[in-house]
Amino acid sequence: MIGSSQSGNLGTILFIVFVAGTLVITAYAARKASTASGFFAAGRRMSAVKNGFAINGDYMSASSFLGIAGLVALFGFDGLTYSFGFIVGWLVILLLVAEPLRNIGKYTLADVMDFRLGSASLRSVAAVSTLVTVLFYLLAQLVAVDTITRLLLPINPSVALAGVGALMIVYVLVGGMVSITYIQIVKAFLLLTVTTALTIALVSRFGFNLSSLLGAAAERSGDGSAFLEPGLYFTKPIDLISLGLALALGAAGLPHVMARFYTVPTARAARTSALWVIGPLAGYMLMTTVLGFGAAAVVGGTEIGGASQSGNSATPLLALRLAGGADTVWGNVVLAVICAIVFATIIAVVAGLTIAGATTIAHDLFSKVIFKGAVDEQRDVRIARIATLALGTIAIVLAFAVKSLNVAFLASLAFTVGASANLPVILYSLFWKRFNKIGAIAAIVVGIVSTLTLVAIGPSVIGVKGLFLHDVDPIFPLSNPGIITIPLGFLAGWLGSVITRPSAQSGERFRELRLRELSGYGAEPSTASH
């Protein structure tokens, strides 16, 4: 532990208080989650402002609060790629995806594809892609449980991981999307407040002079001026470009984020929701970057790396130092608050991911593919609850195998799958009349397979910095394969469509899609806002 037992005990108490509050919210939401629409999409009654802050809650995850700050603290300039990539991704969502998704879909990304192409096999493949994306992001959050427990709490990390898993299952089982939305709103407010307070305390220490802060960061990093230049983490410029491309394009392919646009009453509300994300998200990402540089300046790279090789300890260590240290009352209090907020962040995000995965299993695989639509809504919800138990258990088991990896890296893999497999099909379905089922399946399969294959033979899995075979040089040189896999996904979708016969049904449904996309005629209905 980096703090004292007092801070750990206080952190545990604060976290229990948060859990108690969220369980009250969940109990309240249970009444509104009895129907399929309520369980999967909060009845499509969330206001644009509430939904915007809930989306912020989805984005403001442990991978940003711990992972991005950690990468910046250890590697300086190269860590900025994550921050700017996340922000740029929202422009794609705002301009191209938000409104069409609300008008065309029902609960999942596969609904958009099925509306246009009407294929059970495509829905099955799309469901697999969704689950792979969700699983990567889930692992990123659960790895943070192990990290934060070892750093801050006087309990066994395995116990903490099991506890988080149990809570996320309870939130989804009982309250569905309604409870998760309100929990995300509360968590986003708490995390923004704490991040802002830490940033103000940090920059005031340097007389609100960012130049002085950066200079101190470079000096204490151990790398000198190179700390403020590209090349410490991404030794090849192409690696930096590859990651940036994945982050910028992958957001529009993240199932748990896109599902939020089904919770609002209209397409206009969906666009407004996206607008409410840009400001808070940009400010938050900027602040986590400043905190990363601040951790290097105040704590030093040696101490950060000693506490956590992946750098995930940077923000807690900085907060402890700013508050006076482990032997002070304020140090213990601040560290306890950080601990509670990080755990709240993790639980809220994993709950959102879990319901996205459970919805895909129940609605796409069982209801639409296996039972061919002959399933009533109540059975849909029951299947989703069973899927929640299964998905949560699998994610927890896998988290133990990858707990040494940086959480921001794991999250970036989810973005890569989203950009390589999901985004090509979404954009082609919305804007290309010639697109057909073969092209869609080809894009998804090629996007997933190429991403998983190149990651498996790359430096994150093989080699000195990898999980296995530390004495073997990686076959593929890039940590993030987005620069290869994203064009491959788009190319496969185009090629599969042009070398096969055009579908008359696809062309006809394209005209219907455009009408529904632009006018909202036939979109899923909603009642008054919450």
Protein backbone atom coordinates (compact mmCIF):
# COMPACT_ATOMS: atom_id res chain seq x y z
CA MET A 1 0.00 0.00 0.00
CA ILE A 2 1.14 3.53 -0.73
CA GLY A 3 -0.96 4.98 2.08
CA SER A 4 -1.57 4.08 5.70
CA SER A 5 -4.07 1.61 7.07
CA GLN A 6 -6.19 4.58 8.20
CA SER A 7 -6.58 5.84 4.62
CA GLY A 8 -7.40 2.33 3.47
CA ASN A 9 -10.07 1.91 6.14
CA LEU A 10 -11.54 5.34 5.44
CA GLY A 11 -11.53 4.62 1.71
CA THR A 12 -13.41 1.41 2.36
CA ILE A 13 -16.01 3.26 4.45
CA LEU A 14 -16.51 5.95 1.79
CA PHE A 15 -16.86 3.29 -0.88
CA ILE A 16 -19.48 1.47 1.20
CA VAL A 17 -21.38 4.76 1.50
CA PHE A 18 -21.31 5.16 -2.29
CA VAL A 19 -22.46 1.56 -2.77
CA ALA A 20 -25.33 2.08 -0.33
CA GLY A 21 -26.44 5.15 -2.24
CA THR A 22 -26.28 3.42 -5.59
CA LEU A 23 -28.21 0.43 -4.27
CA VAL A 24 -30.99 2.83 -3.28
CA ILE A 25 -30.94 4.16 -6.85
CA THR A 26 -31.04 0.60 -8.15
CA ALA A 27 -34.04 -0.26 -5.99
CA TYR A 28 -35.82 2.84 -7.28
CA ALA A 29 -34.96 1.94 -10.87
CA ALA A 30 -36.22 -1.63 -10.53
CA ARG A 31 -39.80 -0.42 -10.99
CA LYS A 32 -38.86 1.20 -14.30
CA ALA A 33 -36.88 -1.77 -15.61
CA SER A 34 -39.63 -4.38 -15.67
CA THR A 35 -40.20 -4.14 -19.44
CA ALA A 36 -37.64 -4.87 -22.16
CA SER A 37 -37.57 -1.20 -23.19
CA GLY A 38 -37.03 -0.15 -19.58
CA PHE A 39 -34.36 -2.77 -18.91
CA PHE A 40 -32.38 -2.34 -22.14
CA ALA A 41 -32.94 1.35 -22.98
CA ALA A 42 -34.31 3.09 -19.86
CA GLY A 43 -37.68 3.35 -21.61
CA ARG A 44 -36.14 5.80 -24.13
CA ARG A 45 -37.11 8.52 -21.67
CA MET A 46 -33.80 10.04 -20.57
CA SER A 47 -33.39 13.75 -21.26
CA ALA A 48 -30.50 14.84 -23.48
CA VAL A 49 -28.64 16.46 -20.57
CA LYS A 50 -28.92 13.41 -18.34
CA ASN A 51 -27.89 11.11 -21.14
CA GLY A 52 -24.95 13.36 -22.01
CA PHE A 53 -23.61 13.17 -18.48
CA ALA A 54 -24.22 9.42 -18.40
CA ILE A 55 -22.11 9.11 -21.55
CA ASN A 56 -19.43 11.17 -19.83
CA GLY A 57 -19.63 8.63 -17.04
CA ASP A 58 -19.03 5.84 -19.53
CA TYR A 59 -15.98 7.62 -20.93
CA MET A 60 -14.52 8.83 -17.63
CA SER A 61 -13.28 5.40 -16.71
CA ALA A 62 -10.39 3.91 -14.79
CA SER A 63 -8.52 3.62 -18.07
CA SER A 64 -8.39 7.42 -18.27
CA PHE A 65 -8.09 8.39 -14.61
CA LEU A 66 -5.37 5.83 -13.88
CA GLY A 67 -4.07 4.64 -17.24
CA ILE A 68 -3.68 7.87 -19.22
CA ALA A 69 -2.18 9.76 -16.29
CA GLY A 70 0.16 6.80 -15.72
CA LEU A 71 1.36 6.72 -19.31
CA VAL A 72 1.96 10.47 -19.31
CA ALA A 73 3.82 10.26 -15.98
CA LEU A 74 6.15 7.53 -17.27
CA PHE A 75 6.46 8.43 -20.96
CA GLY A 76 5.56 12.10 -21.23
CA PHE A 77 4.46 13.39 -24.61
CA ASP A 78 3.49 9.97 -26.00
CA GLY A 79 0.74 9.62 -23.42
CA LEU A 80 -1.08 12.58 -24.99
CA THR A 81 -2.21 10.37 -27.85
CA TYR A 82 -4.81 8.70 -25.67
CA SER A 83 -6.31 11.99 -24.47
CA PHE A 84 -6.62 13.60 -27.89
CA GLY A 85 -7.76 10.38 -29.54
CA PHE A 86 -10.70 10.04 -27.17
CA ILE A 87 -11.78 13.64 -27.82
CA VAL A 88 -11.51 13.50 -31.62
CA GLY A 89 -13.60 10.34 -31.65
CA TRP A 90 -16.62 12.31 -30.52
CA LEU A 91 -16.63 14.43 -33.65
CA VAL A 92 -17.25 11.26 -35.69
CA ILE A 93 -20.12 10.33 -33.39
CA LEU A 94 -21.64 13.80 -33.41
CA LEU A 95 -21.45 14.35 -37.16
CA LEU A 96 -22.19 10.89 -38.53
CA VAL A 97 -23.66 8.44 -36.06
CA ALA A 98 -25.71 9.81 -33.14
CA GLU A 99 -28.99 10.74 -34.86
CA PRO A 100 -29.13 7.84 -37.36
CA LEU A 101 -28.58 5.29 -34.58
CA ARG A 102 -31.49 6.63 -32.53
CA ASN A 103 -33.87 6.58 -35.50
CA ILE A 104 -32.89 3.21 -36.94
CA GLY A 105 -31.90 0.94 -34.05
CA LYS A 106 -33.74 -0.53 -31.11
CA TYR A 107 -31.29 -1.80 -28.49
CA THR A 108 -27.96 -2.74 -30.13
CA LEU A 109 -25.59 -1.88 -32.97
CA ALA A 110 -26.64 -5.09 -34.72
CA ASP A 111 -30.18 -3.66 -35.02
CA VAL A 112 -28.88 -1.03 -37.45
CA MET A 113 -27.15 -3.66 -39.57
CA ASP A 114 -30.17 -5.98 -39.49
CA PHE A 115 -32.59 -3.20 -40.42
CA ARG A 116 -30.63 -2.59 -43.60
CA LEU A 117 -29.51 -6.12 -44.51
CA GLY A 118 -31.95 -8.44 -42.69
CA SER A 119 -29.65 -11.38 -42.04
CA ALA A 120 -29.49 -13.74 -39.05
CA SER A 121 -25.92 -14.72 -39.90
CA LEU A 122 -24.87 -11.06 -39.98
CA ARG A 123 -26.55 -10.41 -36.63
CA SER A 124 -24.65 -13.38 -35.16
CA VAL A 125 -21.31 -12.10 -36.42
CA ALA A 126 -22.11 -8.57 -35.24
CA ALA A 127 -22.98 -9.95 -31.81
CA VAL A 128 -19.59 -11.65 -31.58
CA SER A 129 -17.87 -8.39 -32.49
CA THR A 130 -19.84 -6.55 -29.82
CA LEU A 131 -18.92 -9.12 -27.17
CA VAL A 132 -15.21 -8.98 -28.08
CA THR A 133 -15.24 -5.18 -27.83
CA VAL A 134 -17.12 -5.23 -24.52
CA LEU A 135 -14.80 -7.87 -23.08
CA PHE A 136 -11.64 -5.87 -23.82
CA TYR A 137 -13.12 -2.79 -22.15
CA LEU A 138 -14.37 -4.83 -19.21
CA LEU A 139 -10.89 -6.23 -18.67
CA ALA A 140 -9.44 -2.71 -18.65
CA GLN A 141 -11.74 -1.74 -15.79
CA LEU A 142 -11.27 -4.94 -13.80
CA VAL A 143 -7.48 -4.72 -14.06
CA ALA A 144 -7.83 -1.36 -12.36
CA VAL A 145 -9.54 -3.10 -9.42
CA ASP A 146 -6.41 -5.17 -8.81
CA THR A 147 -4.19 -2.09 -9.16
CA ILE A 148 -6.12 0.22 -6.89
CA THR A 149 -6.61 -2.47 -4.24
CA ARG A 150 -2.90 -3.20 -4.03
CA LEU A 151 -2.15 0.51 -3.81
CA LEU A 152 -4.83 1.75 -1.47
CA LEU A 153 -6.80 -0.91 0.39
CA PRO A 154 -5.80 -3.30 3.18
CA ILE A 155 -7.73 -6.20 1.63
CA ASN A 156 -6.95 -9.02 -0.76
CA PRO A 157 -7.21 -7.87 -4.42
CA SER A 158 -9.02 -11.10 -5.32
CA VAL A 159 -11.69 -10.30 -2.75
CA ALA A 160 -12.06 -6.77 -4.12
CA LEU A 161 -12.35 -8.07 -7.68
CA ALA A 162 -15.05 -10.54 -6.66
CA GLY A 163 -16.88 -7.76 -4.80
CA VAL A 164 -16.85 -5.44 -7.79
CA GLY A 165 -18.06 -8.27 -10.00
CA ALA A 166 -20.92 -9.02 -7.64
CA LEU A 167 -21.98 -5.38 -7.49
CA MET A 168 -21.97 -4.88 -11.24
CA ILE A 169 -24.14 -7.98 -11.60
CA VAL A 170 -26.59 -6.70 -8.98
CA TYR A 171 -26.92 -3.30 -10.67
CA VAL A 172 -27.73 -4.87 -14.02
CA LEU A 173 -29.96 -7.65 -12.70
CA VAL A 174 -32.12 -5.35 -10.59
CA GLY A 175 -32.12 -1.90 -12.16
CA GLY A 176 -31.14 -2.41 -15.80
CA MET A 177 -30.25 0.63 -17.89
CA VAL A 178 -32.21 3.03 -15.68
CA SER A 179 -30.08 2.43 -12.58
CA ILE A 180 -26.86 2.35 -14.59
CA THR A 181 -27.68 5.72 -16.19
CA TYR A 182 -28.24 7.46 -12.87
CA ILE A 183 -25.17 5.82 -11.32
CA GLN A 184 -23.10 7.05 -14.27
CA ILE A 185 -24.39 10.59 -13.77
CA VAL A 186 -23.46 10.58 -10.08
CA LYS A 187 -20.08 9.07 -10.81
CA ALA A 188 -19.32 11.58 -13.58
CA PHE A 189 -20.07 14.47 -11.23
CA LEU A 190 -17.88 13.03 -8.45
CA LEU A 191 -14.98 12.24 -10.78
CA LEU A 192 -15.09 15.67 -12.45
CA THR A 193 -15.12 17.33 -9.03
CA VAL A 194 -12.14 15.34 -7.71
CA THR A 195 -10.14 15.72 -10.93
CA THR A 196 -10.73 19.47 -10.99
CA ALA A 197 -9.72 19.84 -7.33
CA LEU A 198 -6.51 17.84 -7.85
CA THR A 199 -5.63 19.84 -10.96
CA ILE A 200 -6.11 23.18 -9.20
CA ALA A 201 -4.03 22.00 -6.23
CA LEU A 202 -1.30 20.83 -8.60
CA VAL A 203 -0.98 23.92 -10.80
CA SER A 204 -1.18 26.22 -7.75
CA ARG A 205 1.91 24.43 -6.43
CA PHE A 206 3.76 25.70 -9.51
CA GLY A 207 2.29 29.20 -9.34
CA PHE A 208 -0.21 28.34 -12.10
CA ASN A 209 2.74 28.22 -14.48
CA LEU A 210 2.45 25.20 -16.78
CA SER A 211 5.93 25.82 -18.17
CA SER A 212 7.41 25.37 -14.70
CA LEU A 213 5.36 22.22 -14.20
CA LEU A 214 6.54 20.71 -17.49
CA GLY A 215 10.14 21.64 -16.75
CA ALA A 216 9.98 19.93 -13.36
CA ALA A 217 8.32 16.89 -14.95
CA ALA A 218 11.12 16.56 -17.51
CA GLU A 219 13.78 16.93 -14.83
CA ARG A 220 12.32 14.37 -12.40
CA SER A 221 11.29 11.88 -15.08
CA GLY A 222 14.88 10.79 -15.58
CA ASP A 223 14.63 11.36 -19.33
CA GLY A 224 15.29 15.09 -19.51
CA SER A 225 14.02 16.99 -22.54
CA ALA A 226 13.18 13.71 -24.29
CA PHE A 227 10.26 13.41 -21.84
CA LEU A 228 8.51 16.27 -23.62
CA GLU A 229 9.15 14.86 -27.09
CA PRO A 230 7.65 11.87 -28.93
CA GLY A 231 9.53 8.58 -28.89
CA LEU A 232 9.76 7.33 -25.30
CA TYR A 233 6.79 4.96 -25.46
CA PHE A 234 6.11 4.83 -29.19
CA THR A 235 9.60 4.37 -30.57
CA LYS A 236 8.20 4.37 -34.11
CA PRO A 237 6.04 7.25 -35.38
CA ILE A 238 3.80 4.73 -37.12
CA ASP A 239 2.91 3.24 -33.73
CA LEU A 240 1.72 6.65 -32.56
CA ILE A 241 -0.33 7.17 -35.72
CA SER A 242 -1.83 3.69 -35.44
CA LEU A 243 -3.06 4.24 -31.91
CA GLY A 244 -4.40 7.72 -32.69
CA LEU A 245 -6.36 6.36 -35.65
CA ALA A 246 -7.90 3.60 -33.54
CA LEU A 247 -8.95 6.00 -30.78
CA ALA A 248 -10.33 8.63 -33.16
CA LEU A 249 -12.45 6.16 -35.13
CA GLY A 250 -13.17 3.50 -32.54
CA ALA A 251 -15.50 5.48 -30.28
CA ALA A 252 -18.32 5.21 -32.83
CA GLY A 253 -17.97 1.42 -32.71
CA LEU A 254 -18.16 0.99 -28.92
CA PRO A 255 -21.43 -0.86 -28.19
CA HIS A 256 -21.91 0.36 -24.61
CA VAL A 257 -21.52 4.00 -25.65
CA MET A 258 -23.67 3.76 -28.77
CA ALA A 259 -26.42 2.03 -26.79
CA ARG A 260 -26.85 5.28 -24.86
CA PHE A 261 -28.39 6.92 -27.92
CA TYR A 262 -31.32 4.50 -27.63
CA THR A 263 -32.21 5.87 -24.19
CA VAL A 264 -33.35 9.31 -25.39
CA PRO A 265 -36.78 10.20 -26.86
CA THR A 266 -35.70 11.56 -30.27
CA ALA A 267 -32.81 11.79 -32.72
CA ARG A 268 -32.46 15.48 -31.88
CA ALA A 269 -32.00 14.53 -28.24
CA ALA A 270 -29.33 12.04 -29.31
CA ARG A 271 -27.36 14.80 -31.05
CA THR A 272 -27.82 17.10 -28.07
CA SER A 273 -26.53 14.32 -25.81
CA ALA A 274 -23.37 14.13 -27.90
CA LEU A 275 -22.95 17.91 -27.61
CA TRP A 276 -23.17 17.67 -23.82
CA VAL A 277 -20.26 15.23 -23.89
CA ILE A 278 -17.66 17.28 -25.77
CA GLY A 279 -17.06 20.07 -23.23
CA PRO A 280 -16.84 18.01 -20.02
CA LEU A 281 -14.92 15.22 -21.75
CA ALA A 282 -12.36 17.58 -23.29
CA GLY A 283 -11.82 19.30 -19.94
CA TYR A 284 -11.50 15.98 -18.13
CA MET A 285 -9.00 14.52 -20.61
CA LEU A 286 -6.94 17.70 -20.46
CA MET A 287 -6.89 17.53 -16.66
CA THR A 288 -5.83 13.86 -16.55
CA THR A 289 -2.96 14.77 -18.89
CA VAL A 290 -1.89 17.62 -16.60
CA LEU A 291 -2.09 15.26 -13.62
CA GLY A 292 0.20 12.84 -15.44
CA PHE A 293 2.84 15.51 -15.97
CA GLY A 294 2.25 16.65 -12.41
CA ALA A 295 2.86 13.15 -11.07
CA ALA A 296 6.19 13.06 -12.89
CA ALA A 297 7.10 16.50 -11.49
CA VAL A 298 6.01 15.97 -7.89
CA VAL A 299 6.45 12.22 -7.34
CA GLY A 300 9.05 11.26 -9.94
CA GLY A 301 9.14 8.49 -12.49
CA THR A 302 11.22 6.15 -10.32
CA GLU A 303 8.72 6.08 -7.45
CA ILE A 304 5.73 5.76 -9.80
CA GLY A 305 7.31 2.86 -11.68
CA GLY A 306 8.32 1.21 -8.41
CA ALA A 307 4.75 1.28 -7.08
CA SER A 308 3.22 0.08 -10.36
CA GLN A 309 5.22 -0.92 -13.43
CA SER A 310 2.38 0.07 -15.73
CA GLY A 311 2.14 3.57 -14.20
CA ASN A 312 -1.40 3.12 -12.88
CA SER A 313 -0.26 4.43 -9.48
CA ALA A 314 0.56 7.94 -10.74
CA THR A 315 -2.65 9.77 -9.80
CA PRO A 316 -3.04 8.24 -6.30
CA LEU A 317 0.61 8.94 -5.51
CA LEU A 318 0.27 12.52 -6.73
CA ALA A 319 -2.88 13.07 -4.66
CA LEU A 320 -1.15 11.71 -1.57
CA ARG A 321 1.87 13.97 -2.05
CA LEU A 322 -0.25 17.07 -2.71
CA ALA A 323 -2.22 16.47 0.49
CA GLY A 324 0.87 16.22 2.67
CA GLY A 325 1.92 12.59 2.58
CA ALA A 326 0.92 9.25 4.08
CA ASP A 327 1.59 10.40 7.66
CA THR A 328 -0.82 13.33 7.59
CA VAL A 329 -4.55 13.47 8.24
CA TRP A 330 -5.27 15.25 4.94
CA GLY A 331 -3.11 12.77 3.07
CA ASN A 332 -5.16 9.89 4.42
CA VAL A 333 -8.45 11.66 3.72
CA VAL A 334 -7.56 12.59 0.13
CA LEU A 335 -6.22 9.12 -0.63
CA ALA A 336 -9.39 7.60 0.79
CA VAL A 337 -11.55 9.84 -1.41
CA ILE A 338 -9.49 8.89 -4.48
CA CYS A 339 -9.87 5.23 -3.61
CA ALA A 340 -13.63 5.49 -3.24
CA ILE A 341 -14.04 7.53 -6.44
CA VAL A 342 -11.93 5.11 -8.49
CA PHE A 343 -13.93 2.13 -7.27
CA ALA A 344 -17.16 3.99 -7.99
CA THR A 345 -15.84 4.74 -11.48
CA ILE A 346 -14.97 1.12 -12.12
CA ILE A 347 -18.31 -0.24 -10.93
CA ALA A 348 -20.33 2.24 -12.96
CA VAL A 349 -18.42 1.54 -16.17
CA VAL A 350 -18.37 -2.24 -15.81
CA ALA A 351 -22.12 -2.20 -15.15
CA GLY A 352 -22.67 -0.28 -18.39
CA LEU A 353 -20.45 -2.69 -20.29
CA THR A 354 -22.16 -5.69 -18.76
CA ILE A 355 -25.64 -4.60 -19.78
CA ALA A 356 -24.37 -3.91 -23.33
CA GLY A 357 -23.00 -7.45 -23.53
CA ALA A 358 -26.07 -9.00 -21.90
CA THR A 359 -28.38 -7.12 -24.27
CA THR A 360 -26.45 -8.45 -27.24
CA ILE A 361 -26.65 -12.03 -25.99
CA ALA A 362 -30.36 -11.85 -25.16
CA HIS A 363 -31.69 -9.61 -27.94
CA ASP A 364 -29.37 -10.46 -30.84
CA LEU A 365 -28.31 -14.07 -30.32
CA PHE A 366 -31.24 -15.66 -28.49
CA SER A 367 -34.27 -13.59 -29.45
CA LYS A 368 -33.43 -12.81 -33.09
CA VAL A 369 -31.15 -15.67 -34.16
CA ILE A 370 -31.90 -18.76 -32.09
CA PHE A 371 -35.63 -18.15 -31.52
CA LYS A 372 -36.07 -16.16 -34.77
CA GLY A 373 -37.99 -13.37 -33.06
CA ALA A 374 -40.53 -15.68 -31.39
CA VAL A 375 -39.65 -14.49 -27.88
CA ASP A 376 -41.75 -12.21 -25.71
CA GLU A 377 -40.10 -9.24 -24.05
CA GLN A 378 -40.17 -10.72 -20.55
CA ARG A 379 -38.25 -13.76 -21.75
CA ASP A 380 -35.78 -11.40 -23.41
CA VAL A 381 -35.14 -9.75 -20.05
CA ARG A 382 -34.80 -13.10 -18.25
CA ILE A 383 -32.19 -14.26 -20.77
CA ALA A 384 -30.33 -10.96 -20.38
CA ARG A 385 -30.15 -11.47 -16.62
CA ILE A 386 -28.71 -14.96 -17.05
CA ALA A 387 -26.22 -13.58 -19.58
CA THR A 388 -25.21 -10.94 -17.03
CA LEU A 389 -24.13 -13.63 -14.60
CA ALA A 390 -22.17 -15.51 -17.26
CA LEU A 391 -20.47 -12.48 -18.78
CA GLY A 392 -19.49 -11.06 -15.40
CA THR A 393 -17.94 -14.35 -14.31
CA ILE A 394 -15.94 -14.78 -17.51
CA ALA A 395 -14.61 -11.21 -17.34
CA ILE A 396 -13.45 -11.62 -13.74
CA VAL A 397 -11.59 -14.86 -14.54
CA LEU A 398 -9.85 -13.31 -17.55
CA ALA A 399 -8.90 -10.19 -15.58
CA PHE A 400 -6.52 -12.23 -13.43
CA ALA A 401 -4.58 -13.28 -16.55
CA VAL A 402 -3.96 -9.74 -17.84
CA LYS A 403 -3.68 -7.74 -14.62
CA SER A 404 -0.09 -6.67 -15.37
CA LEU A 405 -1.11 -4.65 -18.45
CA ASN A 406 -1.77 -0.90 -18.46
CA VAL A 407 -5.51 -0.25 -18.33
CA ALA A 408 -5.36 2.40 -21.07
CA PHE A 409 -3.73 -0.14 -23.41
CA LEU A 410 -6.52 -2.67 -22.82
CA ALA A 411 -9.14 0.00 -23.49
CA SER A 412 -7.37 0.95 -26.72
CA LEU A 413 -7.83 -2.63 -27.97
CA ALA A 414 -11.59 -2.21 -27.56
CA PHE A 415 -11.38 0.95 -29.67
CA THR A 416 -9.36 -0.92 -32.31
CA VAL A 417 -11.98 -3.67 -32.65
CA GLY A 418 -14.71 -1.04 -32.74
CA ALA A 419 -12.97 0.88 -35.52
CA SER A 420 -11.90 -2.18 -37.52
CA ALA A 421 -15.00 -4.37 -37.32
CA ASN A 422 -18.02 -2.32 -36.21
CA LEU A 423 -17.48 1.12 -37.74
CA PRO A 424 -17.10 -0.03 -41.39
CA VAL A 425 -20.44 -1.84 -41.26
CA ILE A 426 -22.20 1.05 -39.52
CA LEU A 427 -21.00 3.65 -42.03
CA TYR A 428 -21.51 1.46 -45.10
CA SER A 429 -25.02 0.54 -43.89
CA LEU A 430 -25.95 4.19 -43.39
CA PHE A 431 -24.42 5.73 -46.50
CA TRP A 432 -23.71 3.16 -49.25
CA LYS A 433 -26.59 1.72 -51.28
CA ARG A 434 -24.48 -1.05 -52.89
CA PHE A 435 -23.48 -2.52 -49.52
CA ASN A 436 -24.71 -6.06 -48.89
CA LYS A 437 -24.66 -8.91 -46.38
CA ILE A 438 -21.46 -10.51 -47.67
CA GLY A 439 -19.61 -7.23 -47.40
CA ALA A 440 -20.86 -6.70 -43.84
CA ILE A 441 -19.82 -10.15 -42.67
CA ALA A 442 -16.46 -9.82 -44.39
CA ALA A 443 -15.77 -6.47 -42.73
CA ILE A 444 -16.57 -7.76 -39.25
CA VAL A 445 -14.69 -11.04 -39.58
CA VAL A 446 -11.59 -9.46 -41.12
CA GLY A 447 -11.64 -6.62 -38.59
CA ILE A 448 -11.83 -8.94 -35.58
CA VAL A 449 -9.46 -11.64 -36.82
CA SER A 450 -6.79 -9.22 -38.02
CA THR A 451 -6.89 -7.26 -34.75
CA LEU A 452 -6.68 -10.30 -32.48
CA THR A 453 -4.01 -11.93 -34.62
CA LEU A 454 -1.73 -8.91 -34.82
CA VAL A 455 -2.09 -8.17 -31.11
CA ALA A 456 -1.31 -11.82 -30.29
CA ILE A 457 1.96 -11.72 -32.22
CA GLY A 458 2.83 -8.14 -31.26
CA PRO A 459 4.95 -6.64 -28.46
CA SER A 460 2.08 -6.47 -25.98
CA VAL A 461 1.84 -10.26 -25.85
CA ILE A 462 5.25 -11.50 -27.05
CA GLY A 463 8.64 -10.09 -26.09
CA VAL A 464 10.25 -8.16 -23.26
CA LYS A 465 7.15 -6.06 -22.47
CA GLY A 466 4.61 -8.78 -23.29
CA LEU A 467 2.67 -11.31 -21.29
CA PHE A 468 4.49 -14.37 -22.62
CA LEU A 469 7.71 -15.50 -24.36
CA HIS A 470 9.85 -12.69 -22.98
CA ASP A 471 12.94 -13.98 -24.77
CA VAL A 472 11.28 -14.00 -28.20
CA ASP A 473 11.09 -10.99 -30.49
CA PRO A 474 7.52 -10.04 -31.47
CA ILE A 475 6.56 -10.95 -35.03
CA PHE A 476 4.42 -7.83 -35.53
CA PRO A 477 6.15 -4.60 -34.43
CA LEU A 478 3.19 -2.39 -33.39
CA SER A 479 1.47 -2.45 -30.01
CA ASN A 480 -1.77 -1.22 -31.57
CA PRO A 481 -2.49 -2.60 -35.06
CA GLY A 482 -5.18 -0.05 -35.98
CA ILE A 483 -3.29 1.41 -38.93
CA ILE A 484 -3.44 -2.04 -40.56
CA THR A 485 -6.72 -3.48 -39.30
CA ILE A 486 -8.98 -0.44 -39.84
CA PRO A 487 -8.25 -0.16 -43.59
CA LEU A 488 -8.55 -3.96 -43.82
CA GLY A 489 -12.03 -3.82 -42.30
CA PHE A 490 -13.20 -1.12 -44.70
CA LEU A 491 -11.54 -2.86 -47.64
CA ALA A 492 -13.15 -6.20 -46.80
CA GLY A 493 -16.58 -4.57 -46.59
CA TRP A 494 -16.12 -2.87 -49.96
CA LEU A 495 -14.62 -5.90 -51.69
CA GLY A 496 -17.22 -8.33 -50.33
CA SER A 497 -19.98 -6.07 -51.67
CA VAL A 498 -18.59 -5.39 -55.15
CA ILE A 499 -17.60 -8.98 -56.02
CA THR A 500 -21.01 -10.40 -55.08
CA ARG A 501 -24.41 -9.73 -56.56
CA PRO A 502 -26.22 -6.67 -55.21
CA SER A 503 -29.24 -7.49 -53.10
CA ALA A 504 -32.57 -6.04 -54.24
CA GLN A 505 -33.76 -6.16 -50.64
CA SER A 506 -30.69 -4.23 -49.47
CA GLY A 507 -31.31 -1.46 -52.00
CA GLU A 508 -34.97 -1.22 -51.08
CA ARG A 509 -34.22 -1.20 -47.35
CA PHE A 510 -31.61 1.50 -47.96
CA ARG A 511 -34.34 3.85 -49.16
CA GLU A 512 -36.42 3.01 -46.08
CA LEU A 513 -33.38 3.53 -43.89
CA ARG A 514 -32.72 6.96 -45.36
CA LEU A 515 -36.34 8.01 -44.79
CA ARG A 516 -36.28 6.80 -41.20
CA GLU A 517 -32.82 8.24 -40.58
CA LEU A 518 -33.72 11.72 -41.82
CA SER A 519 -37.34 12.00 -40.69
CA GLY A 520 -37.60 9.68 -37.70
CA TYR A 521 -40.69 8.08 -39.27
CA GLY A 522 -41.00 4.57 -37.80
CA ALA A 523 -38.39 5.09 -35.07
CA GLU A 524 -38.88 3.37 -31.72
CA PRO A 525 -41.37 5.40 -29.64
CA SER A 526 -40.84 6.99 -26.25
CA THR A 527 -42.88 8.62 -23.53
CA ALA A 528 -42.08 11.77 -21.55
CA SER A 529 -38.57 12.26 -20.19
CA HIS A 530 -37.51 11.09 -16.74
